[in-house]
Amino acid sequence: MRRCSVLVARVVAALAVVLALEGFHRPAADRHRTQVGLASYYSEEVGPRTANGERFDPGAMTAAHRTLPFGTRVRVTNLRNGRSVIVRINDRGPFVEARVIDLSHAAARRLRLVGEGVSRVRLEVLAPSLYAQGRSHPVRREQLWRRREIARWGPVAARIDETKSFRG
């Protein structure tokens, strides 16, 4: 009987230590409300799809971050000139060690980052993403719509969908 109570006490103590060290799970957007580091930007070319499945649009106010959930809104402030812009996270990166965010070309132009190439910025998480909250993702909604249309119209819709994807 004594062994059992000692064992239970040890398990409870170990569990308390683990919970105290780890804390309760919170999304990455809540853990890091602000961050300071270097920002760079993507090229001006319309390119392949981003990590969340969207086609990259250099004219959109989007960015890449290593850990923030897709769809998170972030205010990026250029610390050299004080200009700021709000972007939506839709890609992963940057993969250069010292950088914290990669901006679309439009966001970089607004921050006057294009001439510099790299600049020191402050990131402020404004709103966690709807995707992180378990709501629908816009790209997935579009994919579901396409499946429904193909099921509705048969092979004709599938052929039209295939030609659209090859055009880019």
Protein backbone atom coordinates (compact mmCIF):
# COMPACT_ATOMS: atom_id res chain seq x y z
CA MET A 1 0.00 0.00 0.00
CA ARG A 2 2.78 2.39 0.88
CA ARG A 3 4.61 1.62 -2.42
CA CYS A 4 1.50 2.44 -4.41
CA SER A 5 0.99 5.83 -2.73
CA VAL A 6 4.68 6.74 -3.18
CA LEU A 7 4.47 5.79 -6.85
CA VAL A 8 1.30 7.84 -7.35
CA ALA A 9 2.91 10.82 -5.58
CA ARG A 10 5.97 10.60 -7.86
CA VAL A 11 3.83 10.40 -11.00
CA VAL A 12 1.77 13.41 -9.90
CA ALA A 13 4.93 15.38 -9.08
CA ALA A 14 6.50 14.52 -12.46
CA LEU A 15 3.31 15.50 -14.26
CA ALA A 16 3.20 18.82 -12.39
CA VAL A 17 6.81 19.55 -13.37
CA VAL A 18 6.14 18.74 -17.04
CA LEU A 19 3.07 20.97 -17.11
CA ALA A 20 4.91 23.80 -15.36
CA LEU A 21 7.85 23.65 -17.79
CA GLU A 22 5.81 23.19 -20.93
CA GLY A 23 2.83 25.38 -20.15
CA PHE A 24 -0.47 24.93 -21.88
CA HIS A 25 -0.45 24.69 -25.66
CA ARG A 26 -1.02 28.00 -27.39
CA PRO A 27 -0.78 28.71 -31.12
CA ALA A 28 2.48 30.22 -32.34
CA ALA A 29 0.66 33.47 -33.10
CA ASP A 30 -0.16 33.92 -29.42
CA ARG A 31 3.25 32.90 -28.10
CA HIS A 32 5.21 35.50 -30.08
CA ARG A 33 3.19 38.68 -30.32
CA THR A 34 6.19 40.78 -31.45
CA GLN A 35 9.46 39.90 -33.12
CA VAL A 36 12.39 41.98 -34.38
CA GLY A 37 14.74 40.91 -37.14
CA LEU A 38 15.68 41.24 -40.79
CA ALA A 39 13.16 41.18 -43.63
CA SER A 40 13.72 40.49 -47.30
CA TYR A 41 11.32 40.23 -50.22
CA TYR A 42 10.39 37.90 -53.07
CA SER A 43 11.15 38.66 -56.69
CA GLU A 44 8.54 40.40 -58.82
CA GLU A 45 7.76 37.30 -60.92
CA VAL A 46 4.45 35.52 -60.60
CA GLY A 47 5.56 32.10 -59.54
CA PRO A 48 4.50 28.71 -58.42
CA ARG A 49 2.19 27.99 -55.53
CA THR A 50 3.01 29.02 -51.99
CA ALA A 51 3.16 26.57 -49.09
CA ASN A 52 -0.57 26.90 -48.36
CA GLY A 53 -1.53 26.16 -51.98
CA GLU A 54 -2.23 29.68 -53.29
CA ARG A 55 -0.57 30.92 -56.46
CA PHE A 56 2.10 33.48 -55.56
CA ASP A 57 0.98 37.01 -56.43
CA PRO A 58 3.67 39.72 -56.07
CA GLY A 59 0.95 42.39 -55.96
CA ALA A 60 -0.76 40.91 -52.89
CA MET A 61 0.07 41.93 -49.34
CA THR A 62 1.42 38.56 -48.26
CA ALA A 63 4.52 37.19 -46.55
CA ALA A 64 6.37 34.04 -45.55
CA HIS A 65 7.15 33.18 -41.92
CA ARG A 66 8.68 30.04 -40.45
CA THR A 67 6.17 29.30 -37.67
CA LEU A 68 3.09 31.54 -37.76
CA PRO A 69 -0.07 29.77 -38.96
CA PHE A 70 -1.26 30.49 -42.50
CA GLY A 71 -3.72 33.35 -42.64
CA THR A 72 -2.30 35.19 -39.64
CA ARG A 73 -2.35 38.98 -40.03
CA VAL A 74 0.94 40.67 -39.12
CA ARG A 75 1.90 44.36 -38.98
CA VAL A 76 5.44 44.76 -40.32
CA THR A 77 7.20 48.03 -39.45
CA ASN A 78 10.43 49.10 -41.14
CA LEU A 79 12.58 50.32 -38.24
CA ARG A 80 14.72 52.55 -40.50
CA ASN A 81 11.89 54.75 -41.76
CA GLY A 82 8.89 53.93 -39.53
CA ARG A 83 6.63 52.83 -42.41
CA SER A 84 4.33 49.88 -41.71
CA VAL A 85 2.09 47.50 -43.63
CA ILE A 86 -0.28 44.68 -42.72
CA VAL A 87 0.38 41.36 -44.46
CA ARG A 88 -1.16 37.89 -44.40
CA ILE A 89 1.07 34.84 -43.87
CA ASN A 90 0.65 32.40 -46.77
CA ASP A 91 4.07 30.77 -47.18
CA ARG A 92 6.98 29.26 -45.25
CA GLY A 93 10.41 30.82 -45.05
CA PRO A 94 12.74 32.66 -45.08
CA PHE A 95 15.42 30.02 -45.13
CA VAL A 96 18.29 32.41 -44.45
CA GLU A 97 19.25 32.21 -40.79
CA ALA A 98 19.15 35.87 -39.70
CA ARG A 99 15.87 36.76 -41.46
CA VAL A 100 12.44 36.57 -39.82
CA ILE A 101 10.09 37.29 -42.74
CA ASP A 102 9.97 37.33 -46.55
CA LEU A 103 7.59 39.93 -47.97
CA SER A 104 5.79 40.09 -51.30
CA HIS A 105 7.06 42.73 -53.71
CA ALA A 106 4.03 44.98 -53.06
CA ALA A 107 4.59 44.93 -49.30
CA ALA A 108 8.31 45.62 -49.77
CA ARG A 109 7.51 48.62 -51.99
CA ARG A 110 5.21 50.10 -49.35
CA LEU A 111 7.90 49.68 -46.71
CA ARG A 112 10.48 51.20 -49.11
CA LEU A 113 12.53 48.04 -48.80
CA VAL A 114 13.03 47.41 -52.53
CA GLY A 115 16.14 49.58 -52.89
CA GLU A 116 17.74 48.24 -49.71
CA GLY A 117 17.00 44.55 -50.26
CA VAL A 118 17.13 43.71 -46.55
CA SER A 119 16.05 45.85 -43.61
CA ARG A 120 15.47 45.58 -39.88
CA VAL A 121 11.74 45.24 -39.07
CA ARG A 122 9.37 44.67 -36.17
CA LEU A 123 6.55 42.12 -36.54
CA GLU A 124 3.35 42.44 -34.51
CA VAL A 125 0.79 39.65 -34.71
CA LEU A 126 -2.61 41.32 -35.09
CA ALA A 127 -5.01 38.40 -35.45
CA PRO A 128 -4.56 34.65 -35.44
CA SER A 129 -5.62 32.93 -38.62
CA LEU A 130 -9.07 31.47 -39.16
CA TYR A 131 -7.28 28.35 -40.36
CA ALA A 132 -5.53 28.00 -36.97
CA GLN A 133 -8.92 28.34 -35.28
CA GLY A 134 -10.23 25.36 -37.26
CA ARG A 135 -12.29 27.31 -39.79
CA SER A 136 -12.26 26.78 -43.51
CA HIS A 137 -9.25 27.70 -45.60
CA PRO A 138 -9.91 29.66 -48.85
CA VAL A 139 -7.81 27.38 -51.06
CA ARG A 140 -9.44 24.25 -49.67
CA ARG A 141 -12.87 25.82 -50.21
CA GLU A 142 -11.95 26.38 -53.88
CA GLN A 143 -10.72 22.80 -54.24
CA LEU A 144 -13.99 21.49 -52.78
CA TRP A 145 -15.94 23.69 -55.18
CA ARG A 146 -13.97 22.29 -58.16
CA ARG A 147 -14.64 18.72 -57.05
CA ARG A 148 -18.34 19.47 -56.76
CA GLU A 149 -18.40 21.03 -60.24
CA ILE A 150 -16.56 18.07 -61.75
CA ALA A 151 -19.00 15.67 -60.09
CA ARG A 152 -21.89 17.77 -61.38
CA TRP A 153 -20.75 18.24 -65.01
CA GLY A 154 -18.69 15.11 -65.50
CA PRO A 155 -15.71 14.80 -67.86
CA VAL A 156 -16.30 18.17 -69.56
CA ALA A 157 -15.62 20.08 -66.33
CA ALA A 158 -12.57 17.92 -65.60
CA ARG A 159 -11.06 18.75 -69.02
CA ILE A 160 -11.73 22.47 -68.56
CA ASP A 161 -10.16 22.33 -65.10
CA GLU A 162 -7.05 20.58 -66.45
CA THR A 163 -6.52 23.18 -69.19
CA LYS A 164 -6.87 26.01 -66.65
CA SER A 165 -4.18 24.55 -64.42
CA PHE A 166 -1.71 24.21 -67.32
CA ARG A 167 -2.13 27.82 -68.40
CA GLY A 168 -0.95 29.05 -64.99
